[in-house]
Amino acid sequence: MAQVDLINRDPQQMNNYIQVEFDDVLAEPNGTHSAECVWRNSHKCFTCGKNLCYKILTILTGIFVALGWGCTFACVSYGVIWCIAPCMRLLHVCLNPTKKILSIILSSFCGPIMSVQALIFSRIHVTNSTGEPPKPIDYMVGADSGKVKNFK
């Protein structure tokens, strides 16, 4: 069994974002200071209260919470090792021929079709204009009268 490091209890630095020291929580800017005895005693009360409350909570619940999380991660590990990983391997083995067939079909038929469509659509140019919209294709301006004629 591995030894528990009683000095560095967060070796992976998972909880660096939790700043709970007095200076991280309470701060008085320049020009706004309380009396020195209030500040000194506030620091002592904050530190003592935080440590006492944390120790009481961990004494009352820490072992049970750790047991619960241990069981939770054991169940997750069991599910991954004994259920999900074999299922994924089975799917990998069973679907590998289908993957090869679909790969051949897609590269033989869909790939060239998509390449042709890409060439066709790459020739489209869009121009933004603020003038009068163009007339529909089935309308023409008559040469002799200047009126619009419908050739339907």
Protein backbone atom coordinates (compact mmCIF):
# COMPACT_ATOMS: atom_id res chain seq x y z
CA MET A 1 0.00 0.00 0.00
CA ALA A 2 1.32 3.43 -0.90
CA GLN A 3 2.31 5.81 1.87
CA VAL A 4 0.12 8.88 2.37
CA ASP A 5 1.99 12.18 2.09
CA LEU A 6 0.97 14.10 5.19
CA ILE A 7 2.90 17.23 4.16
CA ASN A 8 1.89 17.80 0.51
CA ARG A 9 -1.75 16.74 0.45
CA ASP A 10 -2.49 18.19 -3.00
CA PRO A 11 0.43 16.92 -5.14
CA GLN A 12 -1.56 17.23 -8.39
CA GLN A 13 -2.56 20.81 -7.44
CA MET A 14 -6.22 20.06 -8.07
CA ASN A 15 -7.50 22.65 -5.61
CA ASN A 16 -5.26 25.68 -6.21
CA TYR A 17 -8.31 27.77 -7.06
CA ILE A 18 -9.62 27.47 -3.49
CA GLN A 19 -8.09 30.44 -1.71
CA VAL A 20 -9.19 30.43 1.89
CA GLU A 21 -6.43 32.25 3.73
CA PHE A 22 -7.31 35.45 5.58
CA ASP A 23 -5.40 37.68 3.13
CA ASP A 24 -7.15 36.07 0.16
CA VAL A 25 -10.61 36.67 1.58
CA LEU A 26 -10.43 39.92 3.56
CA ALA A 27 -8.38 42.93 2.54
CA GLU A 28 -8.48 46.60 3.47
CA PRO A 29 -7.28 49.04 0.83
CA ASN A 30 -4.99 51.96 1.63
CA GLY A 31 -6.89 54.75 3.32
CA THR A 32 -9.48 52.37 4.83
CA HIS A 33 -7.99 50.58 7.79
CA SER A 34 -9.65 49.30 10.93
CA ALA A 35 -7.93 49.51 14.28
CA GLU A 36 -4.86 47.27 14.54
CA CYS A 37 -6.32 45.23 17.41
CA VAL A 38 -9.49 44.57 15.35
CA TRP A 39 -7.47 43.51 12.29
CA ARG A 40 -5.12 41.28 14.32
CA ASN A 41 -7.98 39.64 16.24
CA SER A 42 -10.07 39.27 13.08
CA HIS A 43 -7.16 37.36 11.53
CA LYS A 44 -6.95 35.07 14.57
CA CYS A 45 -10.73 34.50 14.69
CA PHE A 46 -10.94 33.82 10.95
CA THR A 47 -8.04 31.34 11.02
CA CYS A 48 -9.20 29.61 14.20
CA GLY A 49 -12.84 29.42 13.04
CA LYS A 50 -11.90 28.12 9.61
CA ASN A 51 -9.54 25.48 10.97
CA LEU A 52 -11.90 24.38 13.76
CA CYS A 53 -14.94 24.14 11.49
CA TYR A 54 -12.98 22.29 8.79
CA LYS A 55 -11.57 19.81 11.32
CA ILE A 56 -14.98 19.18 12.91
CA LEU A 57 -16.61 18.63 9.51
CA THR A 58 -13.83 16.29 8.38
CA ILE A 59 -13.92 14.37 11.67
CA LEU A 60 -17.71 13.92 11.44
CA THR A 61 -18.02 13.25 7.70
CA GLY A 62 -14.58 12.89 6.09
CA ILE A 63 -14.27 9.12 6.43
CA PHE A 64 -17.80 8.49 5.16
CA VAL A 65 -17.43 10.91 2.25
CA ALA A 66 -14.10 9.33 1.31
CA LEU A 67 -15.70 5.87 1.51
CA GLY A 68 -18.56 7.04 -0.70
CA TRP A 69 -16.22 8.53 -3.31
CA GLY A 70 -14.02 5.43 -3.17
CA CYS A 71 -17.06 3.23 -3.86
CA THR A 72 -18.22 5.56 -6.62
CA PHE A 73 -14.88 5.45 -8.41
CA ALA A 74 -14.70 1.69 -7.86
CA CYS A 75 -18.08 1.32 -9.61
CA VAL A 76 -16.96 3.57 -12.46
CA SER A 77 -13.72 1.62 -12.83
CA TYR A 78 -15.62 -1.67 -12.75
CA GLY A 79 -18.03 -0.47 -15.43
CA VAL A 80 -15.25 0.73 -17.71
CA ILE A 81 -13.00 -2.32 -17.22
CA TRP A 82 -15.59 -5.09 -17.26
CA CYS A 83 -18.40 -3.64 -19.42
CA ILE A 84 -17.50 -0.68 -21.63
CA ALA A 85 -13.97 -1.67 -22.75
CA PRO A 86 -14.98 -5.22 -23.84
CA CYS A 87 -18.04 -3.81 -25.61
CA MET A 88 -15.89 -1.27 -27.45
CA ARG A 89 -13.44 -4.02 -28.44
CA LEU A 90 -16.32 -6.20 -29.69
CA LEU A 91 -17.69 -3.33 -31.78
CA HIS A 92 -14.20 -2.64 -33.14
CA VAL A 93 -13.78 -6.26 -34.24
CA CYS A 94 -17.31 -6.71 -35.60
CA LEU A 95 -17.55 -3.41 -37.42
CA ASN A 96 -14.05 -3.39 -38.91
CA PRO A 97 -15.18 -5.10 -42.18
CA THR A 98 -18.06 -2.60 -42.47
CA LYS A 99 -15.59 0.23 -41.94
CA LYS A 100 -13.39 -1.05 -44.77
CA ILE A 101 -16.34 -1.47 -47.16
CA LEU A 102 -17.70 2.00 -46.40
CA SER A 103 -14.22 3.48 -46.78
CA ILE A 104 -13.89 1.96 -50.26
CA ILE A 105 -17.37 3.13 -51.29
CA LEU A 106 -16.86 6.65 -49.98
CA SER A 107 -13.42 7.07 -51.55
CA SER A 108 -14.58 5.57 -54.89
CA PHE A 109 -17.91 7.31 -55.36
CA CYS A 110 -18.57 10.09 -52.88
CA GLY A 111 -15.04 11.54 -52.96
CA PRO A 112 -15.02 12.26 -56.72
CA ILE A 113 -18.60 13.60 -56.60
CA MET A 114 -17.70 15.98 -53.80
CA SER A 115 -14.57 17.09 -55.67
CA VAL A 116 -16.63 17.93 -58.76
CA GLN A 117 -19.20 19.78 -56.69
CA ALA A 118 -16.42 21.71 -55.00
CA LEU A 119 -15.04 22.75 -58.38
CA ILE A 120 -18.48 23.81 -59.58
CA PHE A 121 -19.33 25.81 -56.46
CA SER A 122 -15.88 27.36 -56.25
CA ARG A 123 -16.67 29.26 -59.47
CA ILE A 124 -19.64 31.09 -57.88
CA HIS A 125 -18.95 34.73 -57.17
CA VAL A 126 -21.37 36.88 -55.20
CA THR A 127 -21.53 40.61 -55.81
CA ASN A 128 -23.34 42.92 -53.47
CA SER A 129 -25.08 45.79 -55.23
CA THR A 130 -27.37 48.56 -54.09
CA GLY A 131 -28.97 49.26 -57.46
CA GLU A 132 -32.29 48.12 -58.94
CA PRO A 133 -32.73 44.35 -58.81
CA PRO A 134 -32.42 42.56 -62.18
CA LYS A 135 -35.55 41.65 -64.15
CA PRO A 136 -36.62 38.01 -64.25
CA ILE A 137 -35.33 35.93 -67.17
CA ASP A 138 -38.74 35.68 -68.91
CA TYR A 139 -39.06 39.49 -69.22
CA MET A 140 -37.40 41.55 -71.98
CA VAL A 141 -37.43 45.21 -72.81
CA GLY A 142 -38.98 45.79 -76.25
CA ALA A 143 -36.67 47.55 -78.69
CA ASP A 144 -39.41 49.54 -80.43
CA SER A 145 -41.72 50.62 -77.58
CA GLY A 146 -39.41 50.60 -74.55
CA LYS A 147 -42.04 48.68 -72.60
CA VAL A 148 -41.53 45.45 -70.75
CA LYS A 149 -43.00 42.43 -72.52
CA ASN A 150 -43.81 39.07 -71.00
CA PHE A 151 -42.82 36.18 -73.28
CA LYS A 152 -44.63 33.38 -71.45
